Amino acid sequence: MMADFDLPSDLVELKREWFAVDDHCRKLAGALPSNVAVLEGKAERDMEGEAALAEARAERLRILEQINSHPWWEEKASDRHQAWIALAKAARS
């Protein structure tokens, strides 16, 4: 049974932002040619796409750091694993 958590709205919003940026990272990565194709000479590197992906990944990490350093974790979350599950569920609803 999952514990009930009183999740702060700013923390839920950060997790929503993280999901959006993570989705963007997946789309950017999916649009890049495979490393194998590049090595085999069947495709060329997409330097602009790689730079955009690096930027998106940096933004995703920045948001994750904000989530992890949110004071609520120390103050209220007795079971961090269950709290992460609850946070993801709240952010997706």
PDB file of N, CA and C in Angstrom:
ATOM      1  N   MET A   1       0.836  -1.190   0.000  1.00  0.00           N
ATOM      2  CA  MET A   1       0.000   0.000   0.000  1.00  0.00           C
ATOM      3  C   MET A   1       0.876   1.247   0.000  1.00  0.00           C
ATOM      4  N   MET A   2       0.560   2.187  -0.848  1.00  0.00           N
ATOM      5  CA  MET A   2       1.335   3.408  -0.949  1.00  0.00           C
ATOM      6  C   MET A   2       0.884   4.402   0.116  1.00  0.00           C
ATOM      7  N   ALA A   3       1.857   4.991   0.778  1.00  0.00           N
ATOM      8  CA  ALA A   3       1.562   6.001   1.790  1.00  0.00           C
ATOM      9  C   ALA A   3       1.031   7.254   1.116  1.00  0.00           C
ATOM     10  N   ASP A   4       0.253   8.006   1.860  1.00  0.00           N
ATOM     11  CA  ASP A   4      -0.229   9.293   1.360  1.00  0.00           C
ATOM     12  C   ASP A   4       0.817  10.353   1.656  1.00  0.00           C
ATOM     13  N   PHE A   5       1.086  11.174   0.684  1.00  0.00           N
ATOM     14  CA  PHE A   5       2.067  12.242   0.852  1.00  0.00           C
ATOM     15  C   PHE A   5       1.422  13.565   0.494  1.00  0.00           C
ATOM     16  N   ASP A   6       1.732  14.568   1.276  1.00  0.00           N
ATOM     17  CA  ASP A   6       1.272  15.922   0.995  1.00  0.00           C
ATOM     18  C   ASP A   6       2.380  16.597   0.187  1.00  0.00           C
ATOM     19  N   LEU A   7       2.306  16.401  -1.113  1.00  0.00           N
ATOM     20  CA  LEU A   7       3.369  16.884  -1.998  1.00  0.00           C
ATOM     21  C   LEU A   7       3.217  18.375  -2.265  1.00  0.00           C
ATOM     22  N   PRO A   8       4.277  19.140  -2.102  1.00  0.00           N
ATOM     23  CA  PRO A   8       4.209  20.574  -2.421  1.00  0.00           C
ATOM     24  C   PRO A   8       3.980  20.790  -3.916  1.00  0.00           C
ATOM     25  N   SER A   9       3.172  21.763  -4.247  1.00  0.00           N
ATOM     26  CA  SER A   9       2.830  22.014  -5.650  1.00  0.00           C
ATOM     27  C   SER A   9       4.059  22.375  -6.480  1.00  0.00           C
ATOM     28  N   ASP A  10       5.024  23.086  -5.894  1.00  0.00           N
ATOM     29  CA  ASP A  10       6.215  23.438  -6.668  1.00  0.00           C
ATOM     30  C   ASP A  10       7.059  22.208  -6.989  1.00  0.00           C
ATOM     31  N   LEU A  11       7.049  21.217  -6.102  1.00  0.00           N
ATOM     32  CA  LEU A  11       7.781  19.981  -6.355  1.00  0.00           C
ATOM     33  C   LEU A  11       7.097  19.173  -7.463  1.00  0.00           C
ATOM     34  N   VAL A  12       5.783  19.121  -7.423  1.00  0.00           N
ATOM     35  CA  VAL A  12       5.038  18.427  -8.479  1.00  0.00           C
ATOM     36  C   VAL A  12       5.272  19.118  -9.819  1.00  0.00           C
ATOM     37  N   GLU A  13       5.281  20.440  -9.822  1.00  0.00           N
ATOM     38  CA  GLU A  13       5.515  21.177 -11.069  1.00  0.00           C
ATOM     39  C   GLU A  13       6.923  20.924 -11.600  1.00  0.00           C
ATOM     40  N   LEU A  14       7.909  20.840 -10.724  1.00  0.00           N
ATOM     41  CA  LEU A  14       9.270  20.512 -11.158  1.00  0.00           C
ATOM     42  C   LEU A  14       9.310  19.130 -11.811  1.00  0.00           C
ATOM     43  N   LYS A  15       8.603  18.183 -11.223  1.00  0.00           N
ATOM     44  CA  LYS A  15       8.581  16.832 -11.795  1.00  0.00           C
ATOM     45  C   LYS A  15       7.877  16.848 -13.152  1.00  0.00           C
ATOM     46  N   ARG A  16       6.839  17.661 -13.304  1.00  0.00           N
ATOM     47  CA  ARG A  16       6.185  17.791 -14.613  1.00  0.00           C
ATOM     48  C   ARG A  16       7.156  18.366 -15.637  1.00  0.00           C
ATOM     49  N   GLU A  17       7.913  19.370 -15.220  1.00  0.00           N
ATOM     50  CA  GLU A  17       8.920  19.948 -16.113  1.00  0.00           C
ATOM     51  C   GLU A  17       9.947  18.888 -16.494  1.00  0.00           C
ATOM     52  N   TRP A  18      10.366  18.084 -15.505  1.00  0.00           N
ATOM     53  CA  TRP A  18      11.351  17.046 -15.774  1.00  0.00           C
ATOM     54  C   TRP A  18      10.808  16.067 -16.802  1.00  0.00           C
ATOM     55  N   PHE A  19       9.562  15.625 -16.653  1.00  0.00           N
ATOM     56  CA  PHE A  19       8.970  14.703 -17.628  1.00  0.00           C
ATOM     57  C   PHE A  19       8.945  15.329 -19.021  1.00  0.00           C
ATOM     58  N   ALA A  20       8.608  16.606 -19.121  1.00  0.00           N
ATOM     59  CA  ALA A  20       8.545  17.276 -20.424  1.00  0.00           C
ATOM     60  C   ALA A  20       9.934  17.347 -21.062  1.00  0.00           C
ATOM     61  N   VAL A  21      10.931  17.707 -20.273  1.00  0.00           N
ATOM     62  CA  VAL A  21      12.290  17.801 -20.814  1.00  0.00           C
ATOM     63  C   VAL A  21      12.826  16.411 -21.144  1.00  0.00           C
ATOM     64  N   ASP A  22      12.496  15.418 -20.330  1.00  0.00           N
ATOM     65  CA  ASP A  22      12.917  14.052 -20.620  1.00  0.00           C
ATOM     66  C   ASP A  22      12.322  13.576 -21.940  1.00  0.00           C
ATOM     67  N   ASP A  23      11.056  13.879 -22.166  1.00  0.00           N
ATOM     68  CA  ASP A  23      10.411  13.525 -23.436  1.00  0.00           C
ATOM     69  C   ASP A  23      11.109  14.226 -24.605  1.00  0.00           C
ATOM     70  N   HIS A  24      11.448  15.495 -24.408  1.00  0.00           N
ATOM     71  CA  HIS A  24      12.156  16.253 -25.443  1.00  0.00           C
ATOM     72  C   HIS A  24      13.522  15.608 -25.734  1.00  0.00           C
ATOM     73  N   CYS A  25      14.221  15.183 -24.680  1.00  0.00           N
ATOM     74  CA  CYS A  25      15.514  14.506 -24.866  1.00  0.00           C
ATOM     75  C   CYS A  25      15.354  13.241 -25.697  1.00  0.00           C
ATOM     76  N   ARG A  26      14.323  12.480 -25.401  1.00  0.00           N
ATOM     77  CA  ARG A  26      14.080  11.239 -26.149  1.00  0.00           C
ATOM     78  C   ARG A  26      13.825  11.536 -27.630  1.00  0.00           C
ATOM     79  N   LYS A  27      13.046  12.576 -27.894  1.00  0.00           N
ATOM     80  CA  LYS A  27      12.761  12.934 -29.288  1.00  0.00           C
ATOM     81  C   LYS A  27      14.018  13.405 -30.008  1.00  0.00           C
ATOM     82  N   LEU A  28      14.806  14.229 -29.335  1.00  0.00           N
ATOM     83  CA  LEU A  28      16.052  14.697 -29.945  1.00  0.00           C
ATOM     84  C   LEU A  28      16.995  13.541 -30.214  1.00  0.00           C
ATOM     85  N   ALA A  29      17.140  12.641 -29.256  1.00  0.00           N
ATOM     86  CA  ALA A  29      18.040  11.493 -29.418  1.00  0.00           C
ATOM     87  C   ALA A  29      17.547  10.586 -30.539  1.00  0.00           C
ATOM     88  N   GLY A  30      16.240  10.407 -30.618  1.00  0.00           N
ATOM     89  CA  GLY A  30      15.670   9.554 -31.659  1.00  0.00           C
ATOM     90  C   GLY A  30      15.859  10.110 -33.056  1.00  0.00           C
ATOM     91  N   ALA A  31      16.016  11.421 -33.169  1.00  0.00           N
ATOM     92  CA  ALA A  31      16.187  12.052 -34.471  1.00  0.00           C
ATOM     93  C   ALA A  31      17.637  12.002 -34.960  1.00  0.00           C
ATOM     94  N   LEU A  32      18.556  11.683 -34.069  1.00  0.00           N
ATOM     95  CA  LEU A  32      19.967  11.633 -34.451  1.00  0.00           C
ATOM     96  C   LEU A  32      20.273  10.321 -35.173  1.00  0.00           C
ATOM     97  N   PRO A  33      21.224  10.361 -36.102  1.00  0.00           N
ATOM     98  CA  PRO A  33      21.639   9.108 -36.740  1.00  0.00           C
ATOM     99  C   PRO A  33      22.351   8.231 -35.707  1.00  0.00           C
ATOM    100  N   SER A  34      22.265   6.935 -35.889  1.00  0.00           N
ATOM    101  CA  SER A  34      22.931   6.035 -34.942  1.00  0.00           C
ATOM    102  C   SER A  34      24.443   6.170 -35.072  1.00  0.00           C
ATOM    103  N   ASN A  35      25.121   5.904 -33.974  1.00  0.00           N
ATOM    104  CA  ASN A  35      26.583   5.939 -34.003  1.00  0.00           C
ATOM    105  C   ASN A  35      27.128   4.890 -34.966  1.00  0.00           C
ATOM    106  N   VAL A  36      26.469   3.765 -35.040  1.00  0.00           N
ATOM    107  CA  VAL A  36      26.907   2.701 -35.954  1.00  0.00           C
ATOM    108  C   VAL A  36      26.823   3.191 -37.398  1.00  0.00           C
ATOM    109  N   ALA A  37      25.700   3.843 -37.741  1.00  0.00           N
ATOM    110  CA  ALA A  37      25.549   4.356 -39.108  1.00  0.00           C
ATOM    111  C   ALA A  37      26.626   5.397 -39.419  1.00  0.00           C
ATOM    112  N   VAL A  38      26.942   6.227 -38.453  1.00  0.00           N
ATOM    113  CA  VAL A  38      27.985   7.238 -38.654  1.00  0.00           C
ATOM    114  C   VAL A  38      29.332   6.555 -38.850  1.00  0.00           C
ATOM    115  N   LEU A  39      29.653   5.582 -37.997  1.00  0.00           N
ATOM    116  CA  LEU A  39      30.930   4.884 -38.102  1.00  0.00           C
ATOM    117  C   LEU A  39      31.055   4.095 -39.402  1.00  0.00           C
ATOM    118  N   GLU A  40      29.941   3.581 -39.890  1.00  0.00           N
ATOM    119  CA  GLU A  40      29.961   2.830 -41.141  1.00  0.00           C
ATOM    120  C   GLU A  40      29.918   3.746 -42.364  1.00  0.00           C
ATOM    121  N   GLY A  41      29.833   5.062 -42.144  1.00  0.00           N
ATOM    122  CA  GLY A  41      29.797   6.007 -43.239  1.00  0.00           C
ATOM    123  C   GLY A  41      28.451   6.098 -43.928  1.00  0.00           C
ATOM    124  N   LYS A  42      27.412   5.553 -43.308  1.00  0.00           N
ATOM    125  CA  LYS A  42      26.071   5.574 -43.887  1.00  0.00           C
ATOM    126  C   LYS A  42      25.292   6.828 -43.493  1.00  0.00           C
ATOM    127  N   ALA A  43      25.820   7.578 -42.553  1.00  0.00           N
ATOM    128  CA  ALA A  43      25.175   8.820 -42.102  1.00  0.00           C
ATOM    129  C   ALA A  43      26.259   9.753 -41.590  1.00  0.00           C
ATOM    130  N   GLU A  44      25.932  11.023 -41.563  1.00  0.00           N
ATOM    131  CA  GLU A  44      26.862  12.014 -41.027  1.00  0.00           C
ATOM    132  C   GLU A  44      26.383  12.466 -39.659  1.00  0.00           C
ATOM    133  N   ARG A  45      27.324  12.852 -38.826  1.00  0.00           N
ATOM    134  CA  ARG A  45      26.964  13.382 -37.510  1.00  0.00           C
ATOM    135  C   ARG A  45      26.125  14.635 -37.678  1.00  0.00           C
ATOM    136  N   ASP A  46      25.182  14.802 -36.791  1.00  0.00           N
ATOM    137  CA  ASP A  46      24.334  15.994 -36.754  1.00  0.00           C
ATOM    138  C   ASP A  46      24.799  16.831 -35.568  1.00  0.00           C
ATOM    139  N   MET A  47      25.748  17.705 -35.826  1.00  0.00           N
ATOM    140  CA  MET A  47      26.354  18.485 -34.749  1.00  0.00           C
ATOM    141  C   MET A  47      25.331  19.391 -34.063  1.00  0.00           C
ATOM    142  N   GLU A  48      24.429  19.990 -34.834  1.00  0.00           N
ATOM    143  CA  GLU A  48      23.399  20.848 -34.238  1.00  0.00           C
ATOM    144  C   GLU A  48      22.450  20.023 -33.382  1.00  0.00           C
ATOM    145  N   GLY A  49      22.077  18.852 -33.862  1.00  0.00           N
ATOM    146  CA  GLY A  49      21.204  17.967 -33.098  1.00  0.00           C
ATOM    147  C   GLY A  49      21.871  17.492 -31.825  1.00  0.00           C
ATOM    148  N   GLU A  50      23.155  17.162 -31.912  1.00  0.00           N
ATOM    149  CA  GLU A  50      23.904  16.723 -30.736  1.00  0.00           C
ATOM    150  C   GLU A  50      24.010  17.847 -29.712  1.00  0.00           C
ATOM    151  N   ALA A  51      24.214  19.076 -30.191  1.00  0.00           N
ATOM    152  CA  ALA A  51      24.297  20.226 -29.279  1.00  0.00           C
ATOM    153  C   ALA A  51      22.948  20.478 -28.600  1.00  0.00           C
ATOM    154  N   ALA A  52      21.875  20.364 -29.368  1.00  0.00           N
ATOM    155  CA  ALA A  52      20.539  20.545 -28.799  1.00  0.00           C
ATOM    156  C   ALA A  52      20.263  19.480 -27.745  1.00  0.00           C
ATOM    157  N   LEU A  53      20.671  18.247 -28.014  1.00  0.00           N
ATOM    158  CA  LEU A  53      20.482  17.168 -27.048  1.00  0.00           C
ATOM    159  C   LEU A  53      21.310  17.416 -25.791  1.00  0.00           C
ATOM    160  N   ALA A  54      22.529  17.870 -25.954  1.00  0.00           N
ATOM    161  CA  ALA A  54      23.372  18.170 -24.790  1.00  0.00           C
ATOM    162  C   ALA A  54      22.736  19.256 -23.925  1.00  0.00           C
ATOM    163  N   GLU A  55      22.183  20.283 -24.572  1.00  0.00           N
ATOM    164  CA  GLU A  55      21.496  21.356 -23.833  1.00  0.00           C
ATOM    165  C   GLU A  55      20.281  20.821 -23.090  1.00  0.00           C
ATOM    166  N   ALA A  56      19.495  20.004 -23.757  1.00  0.00           N
ATOM    167  CA  ALA A  56      18.288  19.445 -23.137  1.00  0.00           C
ATOM    168  C   ALA A  56      18.662  18.535 -21.969  1.00  0.00           C
ATOM    169  N   ARG A  57      19.713  17.757 -22.133  1.00  0.00           N
ATOM    170  CA  ARG A  57      20.157  16.885 -21.036  1.00  0.00           C
ATOM    171  C   ARG A  57      20.645  17.704 -19.845  1.00  0.00           C
ATOM    172  N   ALA A  58      21.332  18.804 -20.114  1.00  0.00           N
ATOM    173  CA  ALA A  58      21.789  19.679 -19.028  1.00  0.00           C
ATOM    174  C   ALA A  58      20.596  20.279 -18.290  1.00  0.00           C
ATOM    175  N   GLU A  59      19.567  20.666 -19.032  1.00  0.00           N
ATOM    176  CA  GLU A  59      18.353  21.211 -18.417  1.00  0.00           C
ATOM    177  C   GLU A  59      17.655  20.134 -17.585  1.00  0.00           C
ATOM    178  N   ARG A  60      17.595  18.926 -18.096  1.00  0.00           N
ATOM    179  CA  ARG A  60      16.979  17.819 -17.358  1.00  0.00           C
ATOM    180  C   ARG A  60      17.730  17.572 -16.048  1.00  0.00           C
ATOM    181  N   LEU A  61      19.048  17.607 -16.091  1.00  0.00           N
ATOM    182  CA  LEU A  61      19.855  17.421 -14.886  1.00  0.00           C
ATOM    183  C   LEU A  61      19.638  18.562 -13.900  1.00  0.00           C
ATOM    184  N   ARG A  62      19.560  19.787 -14.410  1.00  0.00           N
ATOM    185  CA  ARG A  62      19.319  20.944 -13.538  1.00  0.00           C
ATOM    186  C   ARG A  62      17.996  20.788 -12.787  1.00  0.00           C
ATOM    187  N   ILE A  63      16.966  20.357 -13.499  1.00  0.00           N
ATOM    188  CA  ILE A  63      15.665  20.165 -12.876  1.00  0.00           C
ATOM    189  C   ILE A  63      15.729  19.034 -11.849  1.00  0.00           C
ATOM    190  N   LEU A  64      16.408  17.946 -12.192  1.00  0.00           N
ATOM    191  CA  LEU A  64      16.541  16.828 -11.261  1.00  0.00           C
ATOM    192  C   LEU A  64      17.253  17.262  -9.983  1.00  0.00           C
ATOM    193  N   GLU A  65      18.271  18.097 -10.124  1.00  0.00           N
ATOM    194  CA  GLU A  65      18.977  18.604  -8.945  1.00  0.00           C
ATOM    195  C   GLU A  65      18.053  19.457  -8.080  1.00  0.00           C
ATOM    196  N   GLN A  66      17.187  20.237  -8.719  1.00  0.00           N
ATOM    197  CA  GLN A  66      16.212  21.027  -7.962  1.00  0.00           C
ATOM    198  C   GLN A  66      15.238  20.120  -7.223  1.00  0.00           C
ATOM    199  N   ILE A  67      14.805  19.070  -7.890  1.00  0.00           N
ATOM    200  CA  ILE A  67      13.885  18.120  -7.251  1.00  0.00           C
ATOM    201  C   ILE A  67      14.566  17.480  -6.044  1.00  0.00           C
ATOM    202  N   ASN A  68      15.773  16.976  -6.250  1.00  0.00           N
ATOM    203  CA  ASN A  68      16.480  16.272  -5.178  1.00  0.00           C
ATOM    204  C   ASN A  68      16.858  17.157  -4.006  1.00  0.00           C
ATOM    205  N   SER A  69      17.059  18.434  -4.256  1.00  0.00           N
ATOM    206  CA  SER A  69      17.466  19.333  -3.172  1.00  0.00           C
ATOM    207  C   SER A  69      16.283  20.071  -2.545  1.00  0.00           C
ATOM    208  N   HIS A  70      15.075  19.747  -2.981  1.00  0.00           N
ATOM    209  CA  HIS A  70      13.888  20.404  -2.416  1.00  0.00           C
ATOM    210  C   HIS A  70      13.815  20.072  -0.918  1.00  0.00           C
ATOM    211  N   PRO A  71      13.579  21.069  -0.076  1.00  0.00           N
ATOM    212  CA  PRO A  71      13.570  20.844   1.375  1.00  0.00           C
ATOM    213  C   PRO A  71      12.506  19.855   1.844  1.00  0.00           C
ATOM    214  N   TRP A  72      11.470  19.650   1.065  1.00  0.00           N
ATOM    215  CA  TRP A  72      10.409  18.733   1.476  1.00  0.00           C
ATOM    216  C   TRP A  72      10.941  17.332   1.754  1.00  0.00           C
ATOM    217  N   TRP A  73      11.949  16.897   0.983  1.00  0.00           N
ATOM    218  CA  TRP A  73      12.475  15.538   1.163  1.00  0.00           C
ATOM    219  C   TRP A  73      12.970  15.318   2.580  1.00  0.00           C
ATOM    220  N   GLU A  74      13.656  16.277   3.145  1.00  0.00           N
ATOM    221  CA  GLU A  74      14.192  16.124   4.499  1.00  0.00           C
ATOM    222  C   GLU A  74      13.119  16.339   5.552  1.00  0.00           C
ATOM    223  N   GLU A  75      12.188  17.223   5.259  1.00  0.00           N
ATOM    224  CA  GLU A  75      11.186  17.587   6.255  1.00  0.00           C
ATOM    225  C   GLU A  75      10.060  16.570   6.368  1.00  0.00           C
ATOM    226  N   LYS A  76       9.605  16.035   5.250  1.00  0.00           N
ATOM    227  CA  LYS A  76       8.357  15.281   5.258  1.00  0.00           C
ATOM    228  C   LYS A  76       8.423  13.851   4.750  1.00  0.00           C
ATOM    229  N   ALA A  77       9.329  13.548   3.890  1.00  0.00           N
ATOM    230  CA  ALA A  77       9.311  12.247   3.219  1.00  0.00           C
ATOM    231  C   ALA A  77       9.939  11.173   4.105  1.00  0.00           C
ATOM    232  N   SER A  78       9.095  10.348   4.713  1.00  0.00           N
ATOM    233  CA  SER A  78       9.597   9.280   5.574  1.00  0.00           C
ATOM    234  C   SER A  78      10.060   8.070   4.754  1.00  0.00           C
ATOM    235  N   ASP A  79       9.431   7.820   3.632  1.00  0.00           N
ATOM    236  CA  ASP A  79       9.795   6.721   2.742  1.00  0.00           C
ATOM    237  C   ASP A  79      10.067   7.320   1.364  1.00  0.00           C
ATOM    238  N   ARG A  80      11.327   7.605   1.095  1.00  0.00           N
ATOM    239  CA  ARG A  80      11.687   8.328  -0.121  1.00  0.00           C
ATOM    240  C   ARG A  80      11.281   7.574  -1.387  1.00  0.00           C
ATOM    241  N   HIS A  81      11.417   6.270  -1.382  1.00  0.00           N
ATOM    242  CA  HIS A  81      11.047   5.498  -2.573  1.00  0.00           C
ATOM    243  C   HIS A  81       9.554   5.657  -2.870  1.00  0.00           C
ATOM    244  N   GLN A  82       8.727   5.489  -1.877  1.00  0.00           N
ATOM    245  CA  GLN A  82       7.287   5.635  -2.075  1.00  0.00           C
ATOM    246  C   GLN A  82       6.935   7.085  -2.411  1.00  0.00           C
ATOM    247  N   ALA A  83       7.675   8.020  -1.846  1.00  0.00           N
ATOM    248  CA  ALA A  83       7.435   9.434  -2.150  1.00  0.00           C
ATOM    249  C   ALA A  83       7.751   9.725  -3.617  1.00  0.00           C
ATOM    250  N   TRP A  84       8.832   9.136  -4.156  1.00  0.00           N
ATOM    251  CA  TRP A  84       9.172   9.308  -5.571  1.00  0.00           C
ATOM    252  C   TRP A  84       8.061   8.761  -6.464  1.00  0.00           C
ATOM    253  N   ILE A  85       7.518   7.614  -6.084  1.00  0.00           N
ATOM    254  CA  ILE A  85       6.428   7.015  -6.846  1.00  0.00           C
ATOM    255  C   ILE A  85       5.203   7.942  -6.815  1.00  0.00           C
ATOM    256  N   ALA A  86       4.891   8.438  -5.628  1.00  0.00           N
ATOM    257  CA  ALA A  86       3.747   9.342  -5.482  1.00  0.00           C
ATOM    258  C   ALA A  86       3.964  10.630  -6.268  1.00  0.00           C
ATOM    259  N   LEU A  87       5.194  11.139  -6.252  1.00  0.00           N
ATOM    260  CA  LEU A  87       5.510  12.361  -6.979  1.00  0.00           C
ATOM    261  C   LEU A  87       5.324  12.154  -8.488  1.00  0.00           C
ATOM    262  N   ALA A  88       5.832  11.060  -9.001  1.00  0.00           N
ATOM    263  CA  ALA A  88       5.683  10.775 -10.435  1.00  0.00           C
ATOM    264  C   ALA A  88       4.211  10.636 -10.793  1.00  0.00           C
ATOM    265  N   LYS A  89       3.457   9.950  -9.960  1.00  0.00           N
ATOM    266  CA  LYS A  89       2.024   9.761 -10.225  1.00  0.00           C
ATOM    267  C   LYS A  89       1.311  11.100 -10.214  1.00  0.00           C
ATOM    268  N   ALA A  90       1.615  11.946  -9.247  1.00  0.00           N
ATOM    269  CA  ALA A  90       0.967  13.269  -9.158  1.00  0.00           C
ATOM    270  C   ALA A  90       1.333  14.139 -10.349  1.00  0.00           C
ATOM    271  N   ALA A  91       2.580  14.050 -10.780  1.00  0.00           N
ATOM    272  CA  ALA A  91       3.027  14.878 -11.901  1.00  0.00           C
ATOM    273  C   ALA A  91       2.417  14.434 -13.219  1.00  0.00           C
ATOM    274  N   ARG A  92       2.077  13.183 -13.335  1.00  0.00           N
ATOM    275  CA  ARG A  92       1.494  12.653 -14.571  1.00  0.00           C
ATOM    276  C   ARG A  92      -0.024  12.823 -14.619  1.00  0.00           C
ATOM    277  N   SER A  93      -0.625  13.194 -13.490  1.00  0.00           N
ATOM    278  CA  SER A  93      -2.094  13.332 -13.477  1.00  0.00           C
ATOM    279  C   SER A  93      -2.534  14.720 -13.905  1.00  0.00           C
TER     280      SER A  93
END
